[in-house]
């Protein structure tokens, strides 16, 4: 067979062209969700405009409306993506064969890291606070996280890594509050004129390195570490690693 008589490859066939169009469409949709995440994260739902989103995604308004008929639909897509991303991380941690209380603390650290580094997760959380969101863990990150923490702390009650007199629901709410609180606090520069607080002392049942003096410009993960350092003795008697 001569070269000019070769059969077209899969993507040159009619069905292959459909596959290419589908792949391109999916890439455009993902690009729009990423662009919307950035705009929602920076401006909030009310101030975010579809023009700003389409411009950031470098697509036409027509392409945007092909995938999302309204700003609310795009917001729901961002929320769903945020929940899916964070849920995947929590499911992976839940498979660990370690004391469940340690898994719960690892979940807390992971969620704080996602809030600080993943624009879509951060935007999804903000949207759930700014627009009416169904009580659906696939759209409302806080409900998703609270459920994962509650299930994990219930396991901790069973394996003995959570103290027997601890209310599991209250402990889950406390940990979620610490996660959200560490990232909601403003990043303020440290005042060089103010005295530097002393390092936190070890709890009697804890071991490990001493914590560095507090700084107002510390990261969310560092703030979470301090909070867990203070609350851990009331929740678990496991030694710190």
C-alpha atoms as a PDB file:
ATOM      1  CA  UNK A   1       0.000   0.000   0.000  1.00  0.00           C
ATOM      2  CA  UNK A   2       1.371   3.418  -0.958  1.00  0.00           C
ATOM      3  CA  UNK A   3       1.849   6.017   1.800  1.00  0.00           C
ATOM      4  CA  UNK A   4      -0.908   8.200   0.384  1.00  0.00           C
ATOM      5  CA  UNK A   5      -3.267   5.197   0.555  1.00  0.00           C
ATOM      6  CA  UNK A   6      -2.692   4.486   4.243  1.00  0.00           C
ATOM      7  CA  UNK A   7      -5.786   4.231   6.384  1.00  0.00           C
ATOM      8  CA  UNK A   8      -6.436   7.253   8.643  1.00  0.00           C
ATOM      9  CA  UNK A   9      -5.486   6.809  12.269  1.00  0.00           C
ATOM     10  CA  UNK A  10      -8.114   6.672  14.992  1.00  0.00           C
ATOM     11  CA  UNK A  11      -8.241  10.412  15.522  1.00  0.00           C
ATOM     12  CA  UNK A  12      -8.628  11.022  11.787  1.00  0.00           C
ATOM     13  CA  UNK A  13     -11.640   8.740  11.554  1.00  0.00           C
ATOM     14  CA  UNK A  14     -15.084  10.295  12.123  1.00  0.00           C
ATOM     15  CA  UNK A  15     -15.319   8.625  15.517  1.00  0.00           C
ATOM     16  CA  UNK A  16     -11.805   9.760  16.348  1.00  0.00           C
ATOM     17  CA  UNK A  17     -12.731  13.373  15.624  1.00  0.00           C
ATOM     18  CA  UNK A  18     -15.550  13.030  18.124  1.00  0.00           C
ATOM     19  CA  UNK A  19     -13.068  11.814  20.737  1.00  0.00           C
ATOM     20  CA  UNK A  20     -10.783  14.789  20.034  1.00  0.00           C
ATOM     21  CA  UNK A  21     -13.696  17.205  20.398  1.00  0.00           C
ATOM     22  CA  UNK A  22     -14.711  15.568  23.670  1.00  0.00           C
ATOM     23  CA  UNK A  23     -11.169  15.794  25.015  1.00  0.00           C
ATOM     24  CA  UNK A  24     -10.945  19.454  23.999  1.00  0.00           C
ATOM     25  CA  UNK A  25     -14.306  20.162  25.596  1.00  0.00           C
ATOM     26  CA  UNK A  26     -13.248  18.508  28.845  1.00  0.00           C
ATOM     27  CA  UNK A  27      -9.988  20.492  28.895  1.00  0.00           C
ATOM     28  CA  UNK A  28     -11.944  23.714  28.407  1.00  0.00           C
ATOM     29  CA  UNK A  29     -14.307  22.798  31.230  1.00  0.00           C
ATOM     30  CA  UNK A  30     -11.439  22.032  33.622  1.00  0.00           C
ATOM     31  CA  UNK A  31      -9.737  25.270  32.608  1.00  0.00           C
ATOM     32  CA  UNK A  32     -12.929  27.221  33.341  1.00  0.00           C
ATOM     33  CA  UNK A  33     -13.225  25.637  36.790  1.00  0.00           C
ATOM     34  CA  UNK A  34      -9.614  26.548  37.582  1.00  0.00           C
ATOM     35  CA  UNK A  35     -10.122  30.111  36.376  1.00  0.00           C
ATOM     36  CA  UNK A  36     -13.399  30.446  38.291  1.00  0.00           C
ATOM     37  CA  UNK A  37     -11.708  29.113  41.431  1.00  0.00           C
ATOM     38  CA  UNK A  38      -9.130  31.892  41.276  1.00  0.00           C
ATOM     39  CA  UNK A  39     -11.714  34.611  40.661  1.00  0.00           C
ATOM     40  CA  UNK A  40     -14.097  33.346  43.362  1.00  0.00           C
ATOM     41  CA  UNK A  41     -11.210  32.981  45.816  1.00  0.00           C
ATOM     42  CA  UNK A  42     -10.016  36.536  45.201  1.00  0.00           C
ATOM     43  CA  UNK A  43     -13.287  38.397  44.692  1.00  0.00           C
ATOM     44  CA  UNK A  44     -16.019  36.290  46.273  1.00  0.00           C
ATOM     45  CA  UNK A  45     -19.218  35.151  44.596  1.00  0.00           C
ATOM     46  CA  UNK A  46     -21.054  38.472  44.316  1.00  0.00           C
ATOM     47  CA  UNK A  47     -18.132  40.444  42.875  1.00  0.00           C
ATOM     48  CA  UNK A  48     -16.961  37.694  40.527  1.00  0.00           C
ATOM     49  CA  UNK A  49     -17.981  38.276  36.914  1.00  0.00           C
ATOM     50  CA  UNK A  50     -18.273  35.792  34.089  1.00  0.00           C
ATOM     51  CA  UNK A  51     -16.261  38.201  31.954  1.00  0.00           C
ATOM     52  CA  UNK A  52     -13.352  38.018  34.387  1.00  0.00           C
ATOM     53  CA  UNK A  53     -13.587  34.218  34.488  1.00  0.00           C
ATOM     54  CA  UNK A  54     -13.688  33.798  30.705  1.00  0.00           C
ATOM     55  CA  UNK A  55     -10.816  36.257  30.322  1.00  0.00           C
ATOM     56  CA  UNK A  56      -8.705  34.402  32.852  1.00  0.00           C
ATOM     57  CA  UNK A  57      -9.510  31.072  31.187  1.00  0.00           C
ATOM     58  CA  UNK A  58      -8.753  32.652  27.784  1.00  0.00           C
ATOM     59  CA  UNK A  59     -12.003  31.414  26.279  1.00  0.00           C
ATOM     60  CA  UNK A  60     -14.946  33.251  24.745  1.00  0.00           C
ATOM     61  CA  UNK A  61     -18.129  33.938  26.660  1.00  0.00           C
ATOM     62  CA  UNK A  62     -19.839  31.600  24.212  1.00  0.00           C
ATOM     63  CA  UNK A  63     -17.514  28.763  25.199  1.00  0.00           C
ATOM     64  CA  UNK A  64     -18.194  29.496  28.850  1.00  0.00           C
ATOM     65  CA  UNK A  65     -21.973  29.390  28.373  1.00  0.00           C
ATOM     66  CA  UNK A  66     -21.656  26.142  26.415  1.00  0.00           C
ATOM     67  CA  UNK A  67     -20.422  24.506  29.630  1.00  0.00           C
ATOM     68  CA  UNK A  68     -22.139  26.601  32.317  1.00  0.00           C
ATOM     69  CA  UNK A  69     -25.427  28.404  31.786  1.00  0.00           C
ATOM     70  CA  UNK A  70     -25.041  30.688  34.823  1.00  0.00           C
ATOM     71  CA  UNK A  71     -22.534  31.822  37.422  1.00  0.00           C
ATOM     72  CA  UNK A  72     -24.286  29.663  40.011  1.00  0.00           C
ATOM     73  CA  UNK A  73     -23.641  26.548  37.897  1.00  0.00           C
ATOM     74  CA  UNK A  74     -19.968  27.408  37.715  1.00  0.00           C
ATOM     75  CA  UNK A  75     -19.883  27.978  41.469  1.00  0.00           C
ATOM     76  CA  UNK A  76     -21.431  24.544  42.068  1.00  0.00           C
ATOM     77  CA  UNK A  77     -18.788  22.976  39.823  1.00  0.00           C
ATOM     78  CA  UNK A  78     -16.033  24.635  41.862  1.00  0.00           C
ATOM     79  CA  UNK A  79     -17.627  23.428  45.096  1.00  0.00           C
ATOM     80  CA  UNK A  80     -17.920  19.886  43.770  1.00  0.00           C
ATOM     81  CA  UNK A  81     -14.282  19.888  42.635  1.00  0.00           C
ATOM     82  CA  UNK A  82     -13.147  21.235  45.998  1.00  0.00           C
ATOM     83  CA  UNK A  83     -15.009  18.503  47.867  1.00  0.00           C
ATOM     84  CA  UNK A  84     -13.755  15.787  45.517  1.00  0.00           C
ATOM     85  CA  UNK A  85     -10.128  16.912  45.903  1.00  0.00           C
ATOM     86  CA  UNK A  86     -10.204  17.108  49.681  1.00  0.00           C
ATOM     87  CA  UNK A  87     -12.281  13.935  50.050  1.00  0.00           C
ATOM     88  CA  UNK A  88      -9.744  11.965  48.003  1.00  0.00           C
ATOM     89  CA  UNK A  89      -6.999  13.071  50.384  1.00  0.00           C
ATOM     90  CA  UNK A  90      -9.089  12.116  53.440  1.00  0.00           C
ATOM     91  CA  UNK A  91      -9.996   8.695  52.024  1.00  0.00           C
ATOM     92  CA  UNK A  92      -6.312   7.970  51.427  1.00  0.00           C
ATOM     93  CA  UNK A  93      -5.460   8.899  55.021  1.00  0.00           C
ATOM     94  CA  UNK A  94      -8.343   6.828  56.389  1.00  0.00           C
ATOM     95  CA  UNK A  95      -6.719   3.678  54.966  1.00  0.00           C
ATOM     96  CA  UNK A  96      -3.691   4.009  57.227  1.00  0.00           C
ATOM     97  CA  UNK A  97      -3.153   1.244  59.749  1.00  0.00           C
ATOM     98  CA  UNK A  98      -2.258   3.524  62.637  1.00  0.00           C
ATOM     99  CA  UNK A  99      -4.201   4.657  65.728  1.00  0.00           C
ATOM    100  CA  UNK A 100      -7.254   6.499  64.463  1.00  0.00           C
ATOM    101  CA  UNK A 101      -6.592   9.591  66.560  1.00  0.00           C
ATOM    102  CA  UNK A 102      -3.303  10.027  64.708  1.00  0.00           C
ATOM    103  CA  UNK A 103      -5.211   9.692  61.438  1.00  0.00           C
ATOM    104  CA  UNK A 104      -7.599  12.440  62.555  1.00  0.00           C
ATOM    105  CA  UNK A 105      -4.713  14.796  63.340  1.00  0.00           C
ATOM    106  CA  UNK A 106      -3.119  13.949  59.978  1.00  0.00           C
ATOM    107  CA  UNK A 107      -6.438  14.810  58.323  1.00  0.00           C
ATOM    108  CA  UNK A 108      -6.448  18.169  60.083  1.00  0.00           C
ATOM    109  CA  UNK A 109      -2.929  18.983  58.886  1.00  0.00           C
ATOM    110  CA  UNK A 110      -3.760  17.876  55.340  1.00  0.00           C
ATOM    111  CA  UNK A 111      -6.882  20.029  55.172  1.00  0.00           C
ATOM    112  CA  UNK A 112      -5.014  23.088  56.440  1.00  0.00           C
ATOM    113  CA  UNK A 113      -2.358  22.496  53.799  1.00  0.00           C
ATOM    114  CA  UNK A 114      -5.030  22.232  51.094  1.00  0.00           C
ATOM    115  CA  UNK A 115      -6.650  25.457  52.277  1.00  0.00           C
ATOM    116  CA  UNK A 116      -3.313  27.224  52.056  1.00  0.00           C
ATOM    117  CA  UNK A 117      -2.111  25.781  48.742  1.00  0.00           C
ATOM    118  CA  UNK A 118      -5.119  24.673  46.667  1.00  0.00           C
ATOM    119  CA  UNK A 119      -7.091  27.561  45.173  1.00  0.00           C
ATOM    120  CA  UNK A 120     -10.063  25.385  44.229  1.00  0.00           C
ATOM    121  CA  UNK A 121     -10.448  23.951  47.730  1.00  0.00           C
ATOM    122  CA  UNK A 122     -10.180  27.419  49.228  1.00  0.00           C
ATOM    123  CA  UNK A 123     -12.701  28.830  46.759  1.00  0.00           C
ATOM    124  CA  UNK A 124     -15.107  25.957  47.375  1.00  0.00           C
ATOM    125  CA  UNK A 125     -15.054  26.626  51.107  1.00  0.00           C
ATOM    126  CA  UNK A 126     -15.602  30.339  50.571  1.00  0.00           C
ATOM    127  CA  UNK A 127     -18.524  29.732  48.232  1.00  0.00           C
ATOM    128  CA  UNK A 128     -20.231  27.474  50.773  1.00  0.00           C
ATOM    129  CA  UNK A 129     -20.129  30.408  53.191  1.00  0.00           C
ATOM    130  CA  UNK A 130     -21.338  33.008  50.698  1.00  0.00           C
ATOM    131  CA  UNK A 131     -24.120  31.284  48.773  1.00  0.00           C
ATOM    132  CA  UNK A 132     -26.942  28.988  49.768  1.00  0.00           C
ATOM    133  CA  UNK A 133     -25.500  25.483  49.650  1.00  0.00           C
ATOM    134  CA  UNK A 134     -27.456  22.249  50.126  1.00  0.00           C
ATOM    135  CA  UNK A 135     -26.523  20.072  53.077  1.00  0.00           C
ATOM    136  CA  UNK A 136     -24.697  17.783  50.691  1.00  0.00           C
ATOM    137  CA  UNK A 137     -21.150  16.641  51.560  1.00  0.00           C
ATOM    138  CA  UNK A 138     -20.339  16.475  47.844  1.00  0.00           C
ATOM    139  CA  UNK A 139     -20.831  20.259  47.639  1.00  0.00           C
ATOM    140  CA  UNK A 140     -20.244  21.529  51.178  1.00  0.00           C
ATOM    141  CA  UNK A 141     -16.628  20.892  52.183  1.00  0.00           C
ATOM    142  CA  UNK A 142     -17.171  21.554  55.868  1.00  0.00           C
ATOM    143  CA  UNK A 143     -19.894  18.898  56.054  1.00  0.00           C
ATOM    144  CA  UNK A 144     -17.633  16.494  54.170  1.00  0.00           C
ATOM    145  CA  UNK A 145     -14.731  17.125  56.540  1.00  0.00           C
ATOM    146  CA  UNK A 146     -16.875  16.967  59.662  1.00  0.00           C
ATOM    147  CA  UNK A 147     -18.206  13.573  58.589  1.00  0.00           C
ATOM    148  CA  UNK A 148     -14.707  12.235  57.926  1.00  0.00           C
ATOM    149  CA  UNK A 149     -13.420  13.499  61.279  1.00  0.00           C
ATOM    150  CA  UNK A 150     -16.430  12.076  63.119  1.00  0.00           C
ATOM    151  CA  UNK A 151     -15.997   8.649  61.518  1.00  0.00           C
ATOM    152  CA  UNK A 152     -12.284   8.636  62.269  1.00  0.00           C
ATOM    153  CA  UNK A 153     -12.690   9.741  65.875  1.00  0.00           C
ATOM    154  CA  UNK A 154     -15.372   7.082  66.329  1.00  0.00           C
ATOM    155  CA  UNK A 155     -12.741   4.571  65.230  1.00  0.00           C
ATOM    156  CA  UNK A 156     -10.360   6.166  67.716  1.00  0.00           C
ATOM    157  CA  UNK A 157     -12.892   5.527  70.461  1.00  0.00           C
ATOM    158  CA  UNK A 158     -12.939   1.879  69.395  1.00  0.00           C
ATOM    159  CA  UNK A 159      -9.164   1.409  69.232  1.00  0.00           C
ATOM    160  CA  UNK A 160      -8.550   3.265  72.477  1.00  0.00           C
ATOM    161  CA  UNK A 161      -6.592   6.179  70.991  1.00  0.00           C
ATOM    162  CA  UNK A 162      -9.378   8.591  72.002  1.00  0.00           C
ATOM    163  CA  UNK A 163      -9.953   8.964  75.727  1.00  0.00           C
ATOM    164  CA  UNK A 164     -13.141   7.121  76.779  1.00  0.00           C
ATOM    165  CA  UNK A 165     -14.886  10.151  78.298  1.00  0.00           C
ATOM    166  CA  UNK A 166     -14.501  12.329  75.186  1.00  0.00           C
ATOM    167  CA  UNK A 167     -17.660  13.260  73.254  1.00  0.00           C
ATOM    168  CA  UNK A 168     -16.883  12.156  69.680  1.00  0.00           C
ATOM    169  CA  UNK A 169     -19.122  14.745  68.007  1.00  0.00           C
ATOM    170  CA  UNK A 170     -17.743  17.574  70.117  1.00  0.00           C
ATOM    171  CA  UNK A 171     -14.185  16.458  69.358  1.00  0.00           C
ATOM    172  CA  UNK A 172     -14.925  16.402  65.614  1.00  0.00           C
ATOM    173  CA  UNK A 173     -16.434  19.902  65.760  1.00  0.00           C
ATOM    174  CA  UNK A 174     -13.438  21.112  67.773  1.00  0.00           C
ATOM    175  CA  UNK A 175     -10.976  19.776  65.207  1.00  0.00           C
ATOM    176  CA  UNK A 176     -12.954  21.296  62.321  1.00  0.00           C
ATOM    177  CA  UNK A 177     -12.994  24.635  64.164  1.00  0.00           C
ATOM    178  CA  UNK A 178      -9.228  24.489  64.538  1.00  0.00           C
ATOM    179  CA  UNK A 179      -8.814  23.709  60.823  1.00  0.00           C
ATOM    180  CA  UNK A 180     -10.950  26.642  59.712  1.00  0.00           C
ATOM    181  CA  UNK A 181      -9.645  28.975  62.412  1.00  0.00           C
ATOM    182  CA  UNK A 182      -6.000  28.567  61.508  1.00  0.00           C
ATOM    183  CA  UNK A 183      -6.617  29.703  57.938  1.00  0.00           C
ATOM    184  CA  UNK A 184      -9.170  32.425  58.742  1.00  0.00           C
ATOM    185  CA  UNK A 185      -6.796  34.298  61.042  1.00  0.00           C
ATOM    186  CA  UNK A 186      -5.095  37.202  59.292  1.00  0.00           C
ATOM    187  CA  UNK A 187      -1.427  37.116  58.418  1.00  0.00           C
ATOM    188  CA  UNK A 188      -0.115  39.952  60.595  1.00  0.00           C
ATOM    189  CA  UNK A 189       3.551  40.933  60.695  1.00  0.00           C
ATOM    190  CA  UNK A 190       5.267  40.254  63.977  1.00  0.00           C
ATOM    191  CA  UNK A 191       5.802  43.340  66.129  1.00  0.00           C
ATOM    192  CA  UNK A 192       9.524  43.530  66.915  1.00  0.00           C
ATOM    193  CA  UNK A 193       8.778  45.711  69.959  1.00  0.00           C
ATOM    194  CA  UNK A 194       6.550  43.111  71.611  1.00  0.00           C
ATOM    195  CA  UNK A 195       8.115  40.500  73.888  1.00  0.00           C
ATOM    196  CA  UNK A 196       8.508  37.050  72.402  1.00  0.00           C
ATOM    197  CA  UNK A 197       6.379  34.514  74.313  1.00  0.00           C
ATOM    198  CA  UNK A 198       8.140  31.545  75.802  1.00  0.00           C
ATOM    199  CA  UNK A 199       7.882  28.148  74.098  1.00  0.00           C
ATOM    200  CA  UNK A 200       4.844  26.134  75.089  1.00  0.00           C
ATOM    201  CA  UNK A 201       5.631  23.534  77.768  1.00  0.00           C
ATOM    202  CA  UNK A 202       5.135  19.865  77.106  1.00  0.00           C
ATOM    203  CA  UNK A 203       1.967  18.222  78.336  1.00  0.00           C
ATOM    204  CA  UNK A 204       2.823  15.652  81.007  1.00  0.00           C
ATOM    205  CA  UNK A 205       1.964  12.740  78.704  1.00  0.00           C
ATOM    206  CA  UNK A 206       3.535  14.109  75.548  1.00  0.00           C
ATOM    207  CA  UNK A 207       7.019  13.856  74.196  1.00  0.00           C
ATOM    208  CA  UNK A 208       8.781  15.395  71.222  1.00  0.00           C
ATOM    209  CA  UNK A 209      10.552  18.603  70.251  1.00  0.00           C
ATOM    210  CA  UNK A 210       9.713  21.873  71.974  1.00  0.00           C
ATOM    211  CA  UNK A 211       7.663  24.309  69.920  1.00  0.00           C
ATOM    212  CA  UNK A 212       9.329  27.472  68.703  1.00  0.00           C
ATOM    213  CA  UNK A 213       8.171  30.835  70.123  1.00  0.00           C
ATOM    214  CA  UNK A 214       4.889  32.082  68.671  1.00  0.00           C
ATOM    215  CA  UNK A 215       5.033  34.434  65.679  1.00  0.00           C
ATOM    216  CA  UNK A 216       2.082  36.290  64.160  1.00  0.00           C
ATOM    217  CA  UNK A 217       3.328  35.533  60.662  1.00  0.00           C
ATOM    218  CA  UNK A 218       3.470  31.759  61.164  1.00  0.00           C
ATOM    219  CA  UNK A 219       1.689  29.447  58.743  1.00  0.00           C
ATOM    220  CA  UNK A 220      -1.691  27.859  59.275  1.00  0.00           C
ATOM    221  CA  UNK A 221      -0.042  24.485  59.815  1.00  0.00           C
ATOM    222  CA  UNK A 222       2.152  25.952  62.561  1.00  0.00           C
ATOM    223  CA  UNK A 223      -0.909  27.460  64.211  1.00  0.00           C
ATOM    224  CA  UNK A 224      -2.700  24.121  64.004  1.00  0.00           C
ATOM    225  CA  UNK A 225       0.276  22.397  65.616  1.00  0.00           C
ATOM    226  CA  UNK A 226       0.010  24.799  68.555  1.00  0.00           C
ATOM    227  CA  UNK A 227      -3.712  24.244  68.932  1.00  0.00           C
ATOM    228  CA  UNK A 228      -3.320  20.460  68.840  1.00  0.00           C
ATOM    229  CA  UNK A 229      -0.468  20.719  71.334  1.00  0.00           C
ATOM    230  CA  UNK A 230      -2.830  22.437  73.784  1.00  0.00           C
ATOM    231  CA  UNK A 231      -5.903  20.252  73.197  1.00  0.00           C
ATOM    232  CA  UNK A 232      -4.304  16.840  72.708  1.00  0.00           C
ATOM    233  CA  UNK A 233      -4.049  15.925  76.434  1.00  0.00           C
ATOM    234  CA  UNK A 234      -7.831  16.319  76.753  1.00  0.00           C
ATOM    235  CA  UNK A 235      -8.475  14.047  73.779  1.00  0.00           C
ATOM    236  CA  UNK A 236      -5.836  11.332  73.749  1.00  0.00           C
ATOM    237  CA  UNK A 237      -3.092   9.879  75.915  1.00  0.00           C
ATOM    238  CA  UNK A 238      -1.058   8.716  72.939  1.00  0.00           C
ATOM    239  CA  UNK A 239       2.506  10.056  73.063  1.00  0.00           C
ATOM    240  CA  UNK A 240       3.400  12.509  70.319  1.00  0.00           C
ATOM    241  CA  UNK A 241       5.767  11.212  67.686  1.00  0.00           C
END
